[in-house]
Amino acid sequence: MTDQYREQHKQRLSYMPWLYHSLKPAQREWAEAWQRELQQQLMALETIRFGDGCFVAPEAKLFAEPGRDIVVGNGSQIAADCFLHGPIRIGEHVSINHGVSLDGGRAGIDIGDHSRIAARCTFYAFNHGMAADRLIREQPVSSKGIRIGRDVWIGANVGIVDGVSIGDGAVVGMGSVVTKDVPAGTVVAGNPARVLRPRD
């Protein structure tokens, strides 16, 4: 494998990280070494912990300070052009695709095991006040947190606001804006998102 091909393959993995776990043995050797180095650098610089078998694209931006930790569970993947600011807890075998923005505010974002977050989603676990007697930039900031259950599929370009919980096994349709809790095992879509049907 030429150096040029390897660099191209690294970019492929960055934007399609699910391919990481199906690499051939010869590819896996250099890819695992590459990932160990990247993850060790991030853990040395930020309050981040990676489990076993994780993938993080070098183009992703992860920021975590003491009290705003990022914890990534075993086998989870973070693709290119993502922005993550803790506190965030990502469960095991979670896929976060390219261009996703997650800001945990003070209360945090929690994503359950085996969930899938499609491209360009935005989760913001904080909010500004809107009182008319003060500038927006002077308003107090609140944070309730966002909770995503186990085996949840969030479609591309979904926005989720602070305070929302999404139940286990739910599916959120592409382009939805989620402003209220989503019951477990339901399919929701729209702006604002509403229940369409049971998942089964």
C-alpha atoms as a PDB file:
ATOM      1  CA  MET A   1       0.000   0.000   0.000  1.00  0.00           C
ATOM      2  CA  THR A   2       1.497   3.348  -1.020  1.00  0.00           C
ATOM      3  CA  ASP A   3       1.615   6.306   1.359  1.00  0.00           C
ATOM      4  CA  GLN A   4      -0.668   8.229  -1.009  1.00  0.00           C
ATOM      5  CA  TYR A   5      -3.271   5.453  -0.960  1.00  0.00           C
ATOM      6  CA  ARG A   6      -3.061   5.194   2.827  1.00  0.00           C
ATOM      7  CA  GLU A   7      -3.711   8.917   3.237  1.00  0.00           C
ATOM      8  CA  GLN A   8      -6.709   8.650   0.916  1.00  0.00           C
ATOM      9  CA  HIS A   9      -7.990   5.673   2.892  1.00  0.00           C
ATOM     10  CA  LYS A  10      -7.654   7.647   6.135  1.00  0.00           C
ATOM     11  CA  GLN A  11      -9.934  10.305   4.638  1.00  0.00           C
ATOM     12  CA  ARG A  12     -12.398   7.609   3.571  1.00  0.00           C
ATOM     13  CA  LEU A  13     -12.496   6.296   7.139  1.00  0.00           C
ATOM     14  CA  SER A  14     -12.894   9.821   8.520  1.00  0.00           C
ATOM     15  CA  TYR A  15     -16.119  10.345   6.576  1.00  0.00           C
ATOM     16  CA  MET A  16     -17.320   6.719   6.675  1.00  0.00           C
ATOM     17  CA  PRO A  17     -16.041   5.468  10.032  1.00  0.00           C
ATOM     18  CA  TRP A  18     -18.263   2.380  10.015  1.00  0.00           C
ATOM     19  CA  LEU A  19     -15.671   0.933   7.592  1.00  0.00           C
ATOM     20  CA  TYR A  20     -13.073   0.922  10.400  1.00  0.00           C
ATOM     21  CA  HIS A  21     -14.410  -2.288  11.943  1.00  0.00           C
ATOM     22  CA  SER A  22     -14.369  -4.180   8.631  1.00  0.00           C
ATOM     23  CA  LEU A  23     -10.754  -3.455   7.637  1.00  0.00           C
ATOM     24  CA  LYS A  24      -8.588  -6.257   6.331  1.00  0.00           C
ATOM     25  CA  PRO A  25      -5.786  -7.408   8.694  1.00  0.00           C
ATOM     26  CA  ALA A  26      -3.048  -5.547   6.780  1.00  0.00           C
ATOM     27  CA  GLN A  27      -5.042  -2.312   6.924  1.00  0.00           C
ATOM     28  CA  ARG A  28      -6.081  -2.822  10.537  1.00  0.00           C
ATOM     29  CA  GLU A  29      -2.467  -2.801  11.735  1.00  0.00           C
ATOM     30  CA  TRP A  30      -1.702   0.742  10.558  1.00  0.00           C
ATOM     31  CA  ALA A  31      -5.233   2.036  11.244  1.00  0.00           C
ATOM     32  CA  GLU A  32      -5.215   0.907  14.870  1.00  0.00           C
ATOM     33  CA  ALA A  33      -1.785   2.475  15.425  1.00  0.00           C
ATOM     34  CA  TRP A  34      -3.048   5.707  13.835  1.00  0.00           C
ATOM     35  CA  GLN A  35      -6.116   5.734  16.075  1.00  0.00           C
ATOM     36  CA  ARG A  36      -4.149   4.974  19.249  1.00  0.00           C
ATOM     37  CA  GLU A  37      -1.905   7.966  18.576  1.00  0.00           C
ATOM     38  CA  LEU A  38      -4.827  10.319  17.820  1.00  0.00           C
ATOM     39  CA  GLN A  39      -6.800   9.253  20.866  1.00  0.00           C
ATOM     40  CA  GLN A  40      -3.809   9.452  23.193  1.00  0.00           C
ATOM     41  CA  GLN A  41      -3.118  13.004  21.993  1.00  0.00           C
ATOM     42  CA  LEU A  42      -6.715  14.048  22.679  1.00  0.00           C
ATOM     43  CA  MET A  43      -6.732  12.420  26.116  1.00  0.00           C
ATOM     44  CA  ALA A  44      -3.484  14.212  27.000  1.00  0.00           C
ATOM     45  CA  LEU A  45      -4.910  17.605  25.998  1.00  0.00           C
ATOM     46  CA  GLU A  46      -8.567  17.376  27.070  1.00  0.00           C
ATOM     47  CA  THR A  47     -10.633  15.583  29.737  1.00  0.00           C
ATOM     48  CA  ILE A  48     -11.658  12.860  27.267  1.00  0.00           C
ATOM     49  CA  ARG A  49     -11.782   9.085  27.754  1.00  0.00           C
ATOM     50  CA  PHE A  50     -12.037   6.587  24.889  1.00  0.00           C
ATOM     51  CA  GLY A  51     -13.058   2.967  25.334  1.00  0.00           C
ATOM     52  CA  ASP A  52     -11.682   0.053  23.349  1.00  0.00           C
ATOM     53  CA  GLY A  53     -12.035  -0.070  19.566  1.00  0.00           C
ATOM     54  CA  CYS A  54     -13.165   3.538  19.116  1.00  0.00           C
ATOM     55  CA  PHE A  55     -12.639   5.629  16.008  1.00  0.00           C
ATOM     56  CA  VAL A  56     -12.281   9.414  15.930  1.00  0.00           C
ATOM     57  CA  ALA A  57     -11.551  11.352  12.740  1.00  0.00           C
ATOM     58  CA  PRO A  58      -8.605  13.756  12.959  1.00  0.00           C
ATOM     59  CA  GLU A  59     -10.886  16.409  11.387  1.00  0.00           C
ATOM     60  CA  ALA A  60     -13.287  16.200  14.363  1.00  0.00           C
ATOM     61  CA  LYS A  61     -12.989  18.883  17.065  1.00  0.00           C
ATOM     62  CA  LEU A  62     -13.448  17.679  20.648  1.00  0.00           C
ATOM     63  CA  PHE A  63     -13.229  20.048  23.599  1.00  0.00           C
ATOM     64  CA  ALA A  64     -13.608  18.977  27.228  1.00  0.00           C
ATOM     65  CA  GLU A  65     -12.588  20.741  30.411  1.00  0.00           C
ATOM     66  CA  PRO A  66     -12.674  19.408  33.997  1.00  0.00           C
ATOM     67  CA  GLY A  67     -16.350  19.064  34.849  1.00  0.00           C
ATOM     68  CA  ARG A  68     -17.217  18.975  31.142  1.00  0.00           C
ATOM     69  CA  ASP A  69     -15.762  15.556  30.327  1.00  0.00           C
ATOM     70  CA  ILE A  70     -16.356  13.622  27.117  1.00  0.00           C
ATOM     71  CA  VAL A  71     -16.616   9.850  27.586  1.00  0.00           C
ATOM     72  CA  VAL A  72     -16.729   7.642  24.484  1.00  0.00           C
ATOM     73  CA  GLY A  73     -17.815   4.015  24.961  1.00  0.00           C
ATOM     74  CA  ASN A  74     -16.303   0.915  23.412  1.00  0.00           C
ATOM     75  CA  GLY A  75     -16.567   0.646  19.646  1.00  0.00           C
ATOM     76  CA  SER A  76     -18.065   4.104  19.087  1.00  0.00           C
ATOM     77  CA  GLN A  77     -17.217   6.285  16.096  1.00  0.00           C
ATOM     78  CA  ILE A  78     -16.937  10.050  15.593  1.00  0.00           C
ATOM     79  CA  ALA A  79     -16.649  11.177  11.969  1.00  0.00           C
ATOM     80  CA  ALA A  80     -14.994  14.174  10.329  1.00  0.00           C
ATOM     81  CA  ASP A  81     -16.095  17.791  10.835  1.00  0.00           C
ATOM     82  CA  CYS A  82     -17.902  17.055  14.093  1.00  0.00           C
ATOM     83  CA  PHE A  83     -17.841  19.551  16.965  1.00  0.00           C
ATOM     84  CA  LEU A  84     -18.226  18.127  20.477  1.00  0.00           C
ATOM     85  CA  HIS A  85     -18.080  20.183  23.674  1.00  0.00           C
ATOM     86  CA  GLY A  86     -18.637  18.340  26.941  1.00  0.00           C
ATOM     87  CA  PRO A  87     -20.138  17.248  29.144  1.00  0.00           C
ATOM     88  CA  ILE A  88     -21.043  14.392  26.803  1.00  0.00           C
ATOM     89  CA  ARG A  89     -21.378  10.669  27.488  1.00  0.00           C
ATOM     90  CA  ILE A  90     -21.473   8.461  24.398  1.00  0.00           C
ATOM     91  CA  GLY A  91     -22.435   4.832  24.997  1.00  0.00           C
ATOM     92  CA  GLU A  92     -21.045   1.751  23.307  1.00  0.00           C
ATOM     93  CA  HIS A  93     -21.202   1.178  19.536  1.00  0.00           C
ATOM     94  CA  VAL A  94     -22.615   4.641  18.830  1.00  0.00           C
ATOM     95  CA  SER A  95     -22.086   6.184  15.389  1.00  0.00           C
ATOM     96  CA  ILE A  96     -21.812   9.974  15.071  1.00  0.00           C
ATOM     97  CA  ASN A  97     -21.592  10.914  11.412  1.00  0.00           C
ATOM     98  CA  HIS A  98     -19.893  13.887   9.757  1.00  0.00           C
ATOM     99  CA  GLY A  99     -20.750  17.477  10.568  1.00  0.00           C
ATOM    100  CA  VAL A 100     -22.608  16.810  13.829  1.00  0.00           C
ATOM    101  CA  SER A 101     -22.521  19.526  16.538  1.00  0.00           C
ATOM    102  CA  LEU A 102     -23.032  18.517  20.164  1.00  0.00           C
ATOM    103  CA  ASP A 103     -22.734  21.051  23.003  1.00  0.00           C
ATOM    104  CA  GLY A 104     -23.457  19.687  26.454  1.00  0.00           C
ATOM    105  CA  GLY A 105     -24.021  23.032  28.187  1.00  0.00           C
ATOM    106  CA  ARG A 106     -23.801  22.456  31.948  1.00  0.00           C
ATOM    107  CA  ALA A 107     -26.224  19.520  32.275  1.00  0.00           C
ATOM    108  CA  GLY A 108     -24.762  17.387  29.482  1.00  0.00           C
ATOM    109  CA  ILE A 109     -25.723  15.170  26.559  1.00  0.00           C
ATOM    110  CA  ASP A 110     -26.138  11.418  27.114  1.00  0.00           C
ATOM    111  CA  ILE A 111     -26.359   9.052  24.115  1.00  0.00           C
ATOM    112  CA  GLY A 112     -27.303   5.415  24.744  1.00  0.00           C
ATOM    113  CA  ASP A 113     -25.667   2.301  23.355  1.00  0.00           C
ATOM    114  CA  HIS A 114     -26.111   1.332  19.681  1.00  0.00           C
ATOM    115  CA  SER A 115     -27.629   4.677  18.653  1.00  0.00           C
ATOM    116  CA  ARG A 116     -27.012   6.301  15.259  1.00  0.00           C
ATOM    117  CA  ILE A 117     -26.668  10.058  14.748  1.00  0.00           C
ATOM    118  CA  ALA A 118     -26.741  10.965  11.050  1.00  0.00           C
ATOM    119  CA  ALA A 119     -24.879  13.810   9.340  1.00  0.00           C
ATOM    120  CA  ARG A 120     -25.207  17.482  10.319  1.00  0.00           C
ATOM    121  CA  CYS A 121     -27.401  17.031  13.387  1.00  0.00           C
ATOM    122  CA  THR A 122     -27.283  19.699  16.098  1.00  0.00           C
ATOM    123  CA  PHE A 123     -27.908  19.070  19.817  1.00  0.00           C
ATOM    124  CA  TYR A 124     -27.606  22.065  22.152  1.00  0.00           C
ATOM    125  CA  ALA A 125     -28.104  21.338  25.843  1.00  0.00           C
ATOM    126  CA  PHE A 126     -28.496  24.975  26.882  1.00  0.00           C
ATOM    127  CA  ASN A 127     -30.746  27.929  26.196  1.00  0.00           C
ATOM    128  CA  HIS A 128     -30.785  31.728  26.538  1.00  0.00           C
ATOM    129  CA  GLY A 129     -33.465  33.807  28.191  1.00  0.00           C
ATOM    130  CA  MET A 130     -35.586  36.056  25.960  1.00  0.00           C
ATOM    131  CA  ALA A 131     -36.844  38.810  28.284  1.00  0.00           C
ATOM    132  CA  ALA A 132     -37.543  41.974  26.292  1.00  0.00           C
ATOM    133  CA  ASP A 133     -35.858  44.292  28.809  1.00  0.00           C
ATOM    134  CA  ARG A 134     -32.342  42.898  28.227  1.00  0.00           C
ATOM    135  CA  LEU A 135     -30.094  42.230  25.254  1.00  0.00           C
ATOM    136  CA  ILE A 136     -29.937  38.585  24.202  1.00  0.00           C
ATOM    137  CA  ARG A 137     -26.222  38.504  25.007  1.00  0.00           C
ATOM    138  CA  GLU A 138     -27.008  39.613  28.584  1.00  0.00           C
ATOM    139  CA  GLN A 139     -29.677  36.969  29.192  1.00  0.00           C
ATOM    140  CA  PRO A 140     -29.119  34.179  31.708  1.00  0.00           C
ATOM    141  CA  VAL A 141     -28.228  30.766  30.285  1.00  0.00           C
ATOM    142  CA  SER A 142     -30.028  27.641  31.475  1.00  0.00           C
ATOM    143  CA  SER A 143     -29.192  23.964  30.908  1.00  0.00           C
ATOM    144  CA  LYS A 144     -31.401  20.924  31.505  1.00  0.00           C
ATOM    145  CA  GLY A 145     -29.534  18.384  29.370  1.00  0.00           C
ATOM    146  CA  ILE A 146     -30.429  16.104  26.452  1.00  0.00           C
ATOM    147  CA  ARG A 147     -30.931  12.346  26.798  1.00  0.00           C
ATOM    148  CA  ILE A 148     -30.904   9.969  23.821  1.00  0.00           C
ATOM    149  CA  GLY A 149     -31.900   6.383  24.611  1.00  0.00           C
ATOM    150  CA  ARG A 150     -30.561   3.049  23.432  1.00  0.00           C
ATOM    151  CA  ASP A 151     -30.913   1.951  19.768  1.00  0.00           C
ATOM    152  CA  VAL A 152     -32.157   5.360  18.589  1.00  0.00           C
ATOM    153  CA  TRP A 153     -31.796   6.537  14.987  1.00  0.00           C
ATOM    154  CA  ILE A 154     -31.573  10.300  14.485  1.00  0.00           C
ATOM    155  CA  GLY A 155     -31.865  11.226  10.775  1.00  0.00           C
ATOM    156  CA  ALA A 156     -29.714  13.810   9.002  1.00  0.00           C
ATOM    157  CA  ASN A 157     -30.094  17.514   9.785  1.00  0.00           C
ATOM    158  CA  VAL A 158     -32.129  16.975  12.962  1.00  0.00           C
ATOM    159  CA  GLY A 159     -32.076  19.656  15.651  1.00  0.00           C
ATOM    160  CA  ILE A 160     -32.709  18.758  19.306  1.00  0.00           C
ATOM    161  CA  VAL A 161     -33.249  21.482  21.908  1.00  0.00           C
ATOM    162  CA  ASP A 162     -32.292  21.530  25.573  1.00  0.00           C
ATOM    163  CA  GLY A 163     -34.408  19.494  27.972  1.00  0.00           C
ATOM    164  CA  VAL A 164     -35.494  16.812  25.472  1.00  0.00           C
ATOM    165  CA  SER A 165     -35.383  13.067  26.167  1.00  0.00           C
ATOM    166  CA  ILE A 166     -35.716  10.534  23.348  1.00  0.00           C
ATOM    167  CA  GLY A 167     -36.838   7.067  24.418  1.00  0.00           C
ATOM    168  CA  ASP A 168     -35.195   3.762  23.573  1.00  0.00           C
ATOM    169  CA  GLY A 169     -35.763   2.502  20.039  1.00  0.00           C
ATOM    170  CA  ALA A 170     -37.186   5.771  18.686  1.00  0.00           C
ATOM    171  CA  VAL A 171     -36.554   7.057  15.147  1.00  0.00           C
ATOM    172  CA  VAL A 172     -36.416  10.778  14.300  1.00  0.00           C
ATOM    173  CA  GLY A 173     -36.979  11.649  10.630  1.00  0.00           C
ATOM    174  CA  MET A 174     -34.549  13.723   8.568  1.00  0.00           C
ATOM    175  CA  GLY A 175     -34.764  17.486   9.030  1.00  0.00           C
ATOM    176  CA  SER A 176     -36.927  17.345  12.167  1.00  0.00           C
ATOM    177  CA  VAL A 177     -36.749  19.827  15.045  1.00  0.00           C
ATOM    178  CA  VAL A 178     -37.353  18.055  18.342  1.00  0.00           C
ATOM    179  CA  THR A 179     -38.768  20.342  21.031  1.00  0.00           C
ATOM    180  CA  LYS A 180     -40.557  17.787  23.254  1.00  0.00           C
ATOM    181  CA  ASP A 181     -39.806  14.342  24.662  1.00  0.00           C
ATOM    182  CA  VAL A 182     -40.115  11.439  22.222  1.00  0.00           C
ATOM    183  CA  PRO A 183     -41.744   8.228  23.528  1.00  0.00           C
ATOM    184  CA  ALA A 184     -39.798   4.989  23.279  1.00  0.00           C
ATOM    185  CA  GLY A 185     -40.376   2.897  20.166  1.00  0.00           C
ATOM    186  CA  THR A 186     -41.999   5.630  18.090  1.00  0.00           C
ATOM    187  CA  VAL A 187     -41.241   7.271  14.738  1.00  0.00           C
ATOM    188  CA  VAL A 188     -41.410  11.057  14.823  1.00  0.00           C
ATOM    189  CA  ALA A 189     -40.834  13.742  12.179  1.00  0.00           C
ATOM    190  CA  GLY A 190     -41.567  17.375  11.376  1.00  0.00           C
ATOM    191  CA  ASN A 191     -40.974  20.868  12.718  1.00  0.00           C
ATOM    192  CA  PRO A 192     -41.850  20.614  15.495  1.00  0.00           C
ATOM    193  CA  ALA A 193     -41.493  16.823  15.521  1.00  0.00           C
ATOM    194  CA  ARG A 194     -44.665  14.816  16.213  1.00  0.00           C
ATOM    195  CA  VAL A 195     -45.375  11.112  16.566  1.00  0.00           C
ATOM    196  CA  LEU A 196     -46.220   9.434  13.234  1.00  0.00           C
ATOM    197  CA  ARG A 197     -46.493   5.785  14.242  1.00  0.00           C
ATOM    198  CA  PRO A 198     -44.966   3.027  16.373  1.00  0.00           C
ATOM    199  CA  ARG A 199     -41.600   1.814  15.099  1.00  0.00           C
ATOM    200  CA  ASP A 200     -42.917  -1.764  14.738  1.00  0.00           C
END
